[in-house]
Amino acid sequence: MQKVFQSFLDGSGEKECVMLSSGMMTPAQCRAARGLLDWSQKNLAEAARVGVVTVRQFESAAATPRNATMEAMQRALEAAGVEFIPANGSGAGVRLKKGIVQ
């Protein structure tokens, strides 16, 4: 299993790293996926049935939600037509599934 690390600044300004399980989206992928769908943070929160503050904090790398919450957000984006592209020598990314028109 590949280990993926996300770094962010904690409340004191110190840099921390947290391990994300393989296959979990990054904050940048989440922002990009919403952009492809033309969704607001509120749209994603409603589709994933999580709080908008949770989305905002994740996308700004201020906090990492529990795995179940991350999975709910990722599933909501995938159900709307987003495909997550893992880092495969290049950076991780997102794209719309073939045939999805926005």
N, C-alpha and C. Protein backbone atom coordinates (compact mmCIF):
# COMPACT_ATOMS: atom_id res chain seq x y z
N MET A 1 0.84 -1.18 0.00
CA MET A 1 0.00 0.00 0.00
C MET A 1 0.89 1.24 0.00
N GLN A 2 0.62 2.14 -0.91
CA GLN A 2 1.38 3.37 -1.01
C GLN A 2 0.94 4.35 0.07
N LYS A 3 1.91 5.00 0.71
CA LYS A 3 1.60 5.99 1.73
C LYS A 3 1.65 7.37 1.11
N VAL A 4 0.65 8.18 1.39
CA VAL A 4 0.57 9.54 0.87
C VAL A 4 0.54 10.48 2.06
N PHE A 5 1.36 11.52 2.04
CA PHE A 5 1.41 12.47 3.13
C PHE A 5 0.90 13.82 2.68
N GLN A 6 0.13 14.46 3.53
CA GLN A 6 -0.37 15.81 3.29
C GLN A 6 0.22 16.69 4.37
N SER A 7 0.88 17.76 3.98
CA SER A 7 1.44 18.65 4.99
C SER A 7 0.57 19.89 5.10
N PHE A 8 0.54 20.48 6.28
CA PHE A 8 -0.22 21.69 6.52
C PHE A 8 0.35 22.38 7.74
N LEU A 9 -0.03 23.63 7.95
CA LEU A 9 0.40 24.36 9.13
C LEU A 9 -0.63 24.17 10.22
N ASP A 10 -0.17 23.83 11.42
CA ASP A 10 -1.11 23.70 12.53
C ASP A 10 -1.42 25.08 13.09
N GLY A 11 -2.21 25.15 14.11
CA GLY A 11 -2.64 26.43 14.68
C GLY A 11 -1.50 27.31 15.16
N SER A 12 -0.36 26.73 15.52
CA SER A 12 0.76 27.52 16.01
C SER A 12 1.70 27.94 14.89
N GLY A 13 1.38 27.57 13.65
CA GLY A 13 2.24 27.92 12.52
C GLY A 13 3.30 26.88 12.23
N GLU A 14 3.33 25.80 13.01
CA GLU A 14 4.29 24.73 12.79
C GLU A 14 3.78 23.80 11.69
N LYS A 15 4.69 23.33 10.85
CA LYS A 15 4.30 22.44 9.77
C LYS A 15 4.13 21.02 10.31
N GLU A 16 3.02 20.40 9.96
CA GLU A 16 2.75 19.02 10.35
C GLU A 16 2.47 18.20 9.10
N CYS A 17 2.66 16.92 9.20
CA CYS A 17 2.31 16.01 8.11
C CYS A 17 1.37 14.95 8.66
N VAL A 18 0.37 14.62 7.89
CA VAL A 18 -0.52 13.54 8.24
C VAL A 18 -0.55 12.55 7.09
N MET A 19 -0.67 11.29 7.40
CA MET A 19 -0.72 10.28 6.37
C MET A 19 -2.15 10.09 5.92
N LEU A 20 -2.36 10.14 4.63
CA LEU A 20 -3.65 9.84 4.05
C LEU A 20 -3.57 8.44 3.48
N SER A 21 -4.61 7.67 3.64
CA SER A 21 -4.57 6.34 3.07
C SER A 21 -4.57 6.45 1.55
N SER A 22 -4.00 5.47 0.92
CA SER A 22 -3.91 5.47 -0.53
C SER A 22 -5.30 5.57 -1.14
N GLY A 23 -5.44 6.38 -2.16
CA GLY A 23 -6.71 6.53 -2.83
C GLY A 23 -7.56 7.67 -2.30
N MET A 24 -7.17 8.29 -1.20
CA MET A 24 -7.92 9.42 -0.68
C MET A 24 -7.56 10.68 -1.47
N MET A 25 -8.53 11.50 -1.70
CA MET A 25 -8.27 12.74 -2.42
C MET A 25 -7.51 13.73 -1.55
N THR A 26 -6.79 14.60 -2.20
CA THR A 26 -6.07 15.66 -1.52
C THR A 26 -6.94 16.92 -1.49
N PRO A 27 -6.60 17.90 -0.67
CA PRO A 27 -7.35 19.16 -0.69
C PRO A 27 -7.37 19.81 -2.08
N ALA A 28 -6.24 19.77 -2.77
CA ALA A 28 -6.18 20.36 -4.12
C ALA A 28 -7.09 19.64 -5.09
N GLN A 29 -7.15 18.31 -5.00
CA GLN A 29 -8.05 17.55 -5.87
C GLN A 29 -9.50 17.89 -5.56
N CYS A 30 -9.83 18.09 -4.31
CA CYS A 30 -11.19 18.43 -3.93
C CYS A 30 -11.58 19.78 -4.53
N ARG A 31 -10.70 20.77 -4.40
CA ARG A 31 -10.98 22.10 -4.97
C ARG A 31 -11.13 22.02 -6.49
N ALA A 32 -10.23 21.25 -7.13
CA ALA A 32 -10.28 21.12 -8.59
C ALA A 32 -11.55 20.40 -9.03
N ALA A 33 -11.94 19.37 -8.30
CA ALA A 33 -13.16 18.62 -8.65
C ALA A 33 -14.38 19.52 -8.56
N ARG A 34 -14.45 20.32 -7.50
CA ARG A 34 -15.57 21.26 -7.38
C ARG A 34 -15.57 22.25 -8.54
N GLY A 35 -14.38 22.69 -8.94
CA GLY A 35 -14.28 23.62 -10.06
C GLY A 35 -14.79 23.00 -11.36
N LEU A 36 -14.46 21.74 -11.59
CA LEU A 36 -14.95 21.07 -12.80
C LEU A 36 -16.46 20.97 -12.82
N LEU A 37 -17.04 20.79 -11.64
CA LEU A 37 -18.49 20.66 -11.54
C LEU A 37 -19.21 21.99 -11.37
N ASP A 38 -18.44 23.05 -11.17
CA ASP A 38 -18.98 24.37 -10.87
C ASP A 38 -19.82 24.32 -9.59
N TRP A 39 -19.29 23.61 -8.59
CA TRP A 39 -19.93 23.47 -7.29
C TRP A 39 -19.30 24.39 -6.29
N SER A 40 -20.09 24.92 -5.39
CA SER A 40 -19.59 25.66 -4.24
C SER A 40 -19.24 24.66 -3.14
N GLN A 41 -18.59 25.15 -2.09
CA GLN A 41 -18.34 24.27 -0.94
C GLN A 41 -19.66 23.80 -0.34
N LYS A 42 -20.66 24.67 -0.37
CA LYS A 42 -21.98 24.30 0.16
C LYS A 42 -22.59 23.17 -0.67
N ASN A 43 -22.45 23.24 -2.01
CA ASN A 43 -22.97 22.17 -2.86
C ASN A 43 -22.36 20.82 -2.49
N LEU A 44 -21.03 20.81 -2.31
CA LEU A 44 -20.35 19.56 -1.95
C LEU A 44 -20.81 19.09 -0.57
N ALA A 45 -20.89 20.00 0.38
CA ALA A 45 -21.32 19.63 1.73
C ALA A 45 -22.70 18.99 1.71
N GLU A 46 -23.61 19.57 0.95
CA GLU A 46 -24.96 19.02 0.86
C GLU A 46 -24.97 17.65 0.19
N ALA A 47 -24.21 17.51 -0.89
CA ALA A 47 -24.18 16.23 -1.61
C ALA A 47 -23.55 15.12 -0.77
N ALA A 48 -22.56 15.49 0.04
CA ALA A 48 -21.86 14.50 0.87
C ALA A 48 -22.48 14.35 2.25
N ARG A 49 -23.43 15.23 2.55
CA ARG A 49 -24.08 15.24 3.88
C ARG A 49 -23.07 15.45 5.00
N VAL A 50 -22.22 16.46 4.79
CA VAL A 50 -21.25 16.87 5.81
C VAL A 50 -21.41 18.37 5.99
N GLY A 51 -20.78 18.92 7.00
CA GLY A 51 -20.85 20.35 7.24
C GLY A 51 -19.98 21.13 6.27
N VAL A 52 -20.43 22.32 5.90
CA VAL A 52 -19.65 23.16 5.01
C VAL A 52 -18.32 23.55 5.65
N VAL A 53 -18.29 23.67 6.97
CA VAL A 53 -17.04 23.98 7.67
C VAL A 53 -16.04 22.84 7.48
N THR A 54 -16.52 21.62 7.45
CA THR A 54 -15.65 20.46 7.22
C THR A 54 -14.99 20.56 5.85
N VAL A 55 -15.77 20.90 4.83
CA VAL A 55 -15.23 21.05 3.48
C VAL A 55 -14.21 22.18 3.46
N ARG A 56 -14.57 23.32 4.03
CA ARG A 56 -13.69 24.49 4.04
C ARG A 56 -12.36 24.18 4.73
N GLN A 57 -12.42 23.55 5.89
CA GLN A 57 -11.19 23.24 6.63
C GLN A 57 -10.34 22.21 5.89
N PHE A 58 -10.97 21.23 5.27
CA PHE A 58 -10.19 20.24 4.51
C PHE A 58 -9.50 20.90 3.33
N GLU A 59 -10.25 21.68 2.55
CA GLU A 59 -9.68 22.30 1.36
C GLU A 59 -8.57 23.30 1.68
N SER A 60 -8.62 23.91 2.84
CA SER A 60 -7.56 24.85 3.22
C SER A 60 -6.44 24.14 3.98
N ALA A 61 -6.54 22.83 4.12
CA ALA A 61 -5.57 22.00 4.82
C ALA A 61 -5.43 22.40 6.29
N ALA A 62 -6.49 22.96 6.85
CA ALA A 62 -6.49 23.32 8.27
C ALA A 62 -6.80 22.12 9.14
N ALA A 63 -7.49 21.13 8.58
CA ALA A 63 -7.84 19.92 9.33
C ALA A 63 -8.06 18.78 8.35
N THR A 64 -7.84 17.57 8.82
CA THR A 64 -8.11 16.38 8.01
C THR A 64 -9.29 15.65 8.62
N PRO A 65 -10.40 15.57 7.88
CA PRO A 65 -11.58 14.87 8.41
C PRO A 65 -11.33 13.38 8.60
N ARG A 66 -12.22 12.75 9.33
CA ARG A 66 -12.15 11.30 9.49
C ARG A 66 -12.29 10.64 8.13
N ASN A 67 -11.79 9.41 8.03
CA ASN A 67 -11.84 8.69 6.75
C ASN A 67 -13.26 8.57 6.21
N ALA A 68 -14.23 8.30 7.06
CA ALA A 68 -15.61 8.16 6.60
C ALA A 68 -16.11 9.46 5.97
N THR A 69 -15.73 10.57 6.53
CA THR A 69 -16.14 11.88 5.99
C THR A 69 -15.45 12.14 4.66
N MET A 70 -14.17 11.82 4.59
CA MET A 70 -13.42 11.99 3.33
C MET A 70 -14.04 11.12 2.23
N GLU A 71 -14.37 9.89 2.59
CA GLU A 71 -14.96 8.98 1.62
C GLU A 71 -16.32 9.50 1.14
N ALA A 72 -17.11 10.07 2.04
CA ALA A 72 -18.41 10.61 1.65
C ALA A 72 -18.24 11.77 0.68
N MET A 73 -17.28 12.63 0.92
CA MET A 73 -17.04 13.76 0.01
C MET A 73 -16.56 13.26 -1.35
N GLN A 74 -15.63 12.31 -1.34
CA GLN A 74 -15.11 11.78 -2.59
C GLN A 74 -16.20 11.05 -3.37
N ARG A 75 -17.02 10.26 -2.69
CA ARG A 75 -18.12 9.54 -3.37
C ARG A 75 -19.11 10.52 -4.00
N ALA A 76 -19.40 11.62 -3.31
CA ALA A 76 -20.34 12.62 -3.85
C ALA A 76 -19.78 13.22 -5.13
N LEU A 77 -18.50 13.53 -5.14
CA LEU A 77 -17.87 14.10 -6.34
C LEU A 77 -17.83 13.07 -7.47
N GLU A 78 -17.53 11.83 -7.13
CA GLU A 78 -17.50 10.77 -8.15
C GLU A 78 -18.90 10.52 -8.72
N ALA A 79 -19.91 10.55 -7.88
CA ALA A 79 -21.29 10.34 -8.34
C ALA A 79 -21.72 11.45 -9.30
N ALA A 80 -21.12 12.63 -9.14
CA ALA A 80 -21.44 13.75 -10.03
C ALA A 80 -20.63 13.73 -11.32
N GLY A 81 -19.69 12.77 -11.44
CA GLY A 81 -18.96 12.61 -12.69
C GLY A 81 -17.48 12.89 -12.65
N VAL A 82 -16.90 13.05 -11.48
CA VAL A 82 -15.47 13.31 -11.36
C VAL A 82 -14.71 12.00 -11.22
N GLU A 83 -13.57 11.91 -11.90
CA GLU A 83 -12.65 10.78 -11.74
C GLU A 83 -11.40 11.31 -11.07
N PHE A 84 -10.92 10.61 -10.06
CA PHE A 84 -9.69 10.98 -9.37
C PHE A 84 -8.53 10.22 -9.99
N ILE A 85 -7.47 10.94 -10.32
CA ILE A 85 -6.29 10.36 -10.95
C ILE A 85 -5.18 10.31 -9.91
N PRO A 86 -4.68 9.13 -9.57
CA PRO A 86 -3.64 9.03 -8.56
C PRO A 86 -2.31 9.58 -9.07
N ALA A 87 -1.45 9.93 -8.14
CA ALA A 87 -0.10 10.35 -8.51
C ALA A 87 0.60 9.12 -9.09
N ASN A 88 1.03 9.21 -10.32
CA ASN A 88 1.67 8.07 -11.00
C ASN A 88 2.95 8.54 -11.67
N GLY A 89 3.80 9.15 -10.89
CA GLY A 89 5.02 9.73 -11.43
C GLY A 89 4.87 11.23 -11.60
N SER A 90 3.65 11.66 -11.73
CA SER A 90 3.33 13.09 -11.79
C SER A 90 2.41 13.37 -10.61
N GLY A 91 1.91 14.58 -10.54
CA GLY A 91 0.99 14.91 -9.46
C GLY A 91 -0.37 14.28 -9.65
N ALA A 92 -1.07 14.11 -8.56
CA ALA A 92 -2.43 13.59 -8.60
C ALA A 92 -3.33 14.61 -9.29
N GLY A 93 -4.44 14.16 -9.84
CA GLY A 93 -5.33 15.08 -10.55
C GLY A 93 -6.77 14.63 -10.54
N VAL A 94 -7.58 15.35 -11.29
CA VAL A 94 -8.99 15.03 -11.46
C VAL A 94 -9.39 15.30 -12.90
N ARG A 95 -10.45 14.66 -13.34
CA ARG A 95 -11.03 14.92 -14.66
C ARG A 95 -12.48 14.50 -14.62
N LEU A 96 -13.25 14.98 -15.59
CA LEU A 96 -14.64 14.55 -15.71
C LEU A 96 -14.68 13.24 -16.48
N LYS A 97 -15.60 12.36 -16.11
CA LYS A 97 -15.77 11.12 -16.83
C LYS A 97 -16.18 11.44 -18.25
N LYS A 98 -15.83 10.58 -19.15
CA LYS A 98 -16.20 10.74 -20.56
C LYS A 98 -17.71 10.81 -20.68
N GLY A 99 -18.17 11.78 -21.44
CA GLY A 99 -19.60 11.94 -21.67
C GLY A 99 -20.28 12.88 -20.69
N ILE A 100 -19.57 13.35 -19.66
CA ILE A 100 -20.15 14.30 -18.70
C ILE A 100 -19.94 15.70 -19.26
N VAL A 101 -21.03 16.44 -19.42
CA VAL A 101 -20.96 17.80 -19.92
C VAL A 101 -21.35 18.75 -18.81
N GLN A 102 -20.55 19.76 -18.59
CA GLN A 102 -20.84 20.76 -17.55
C GLN A 102 -21.13 22.09 -18.19
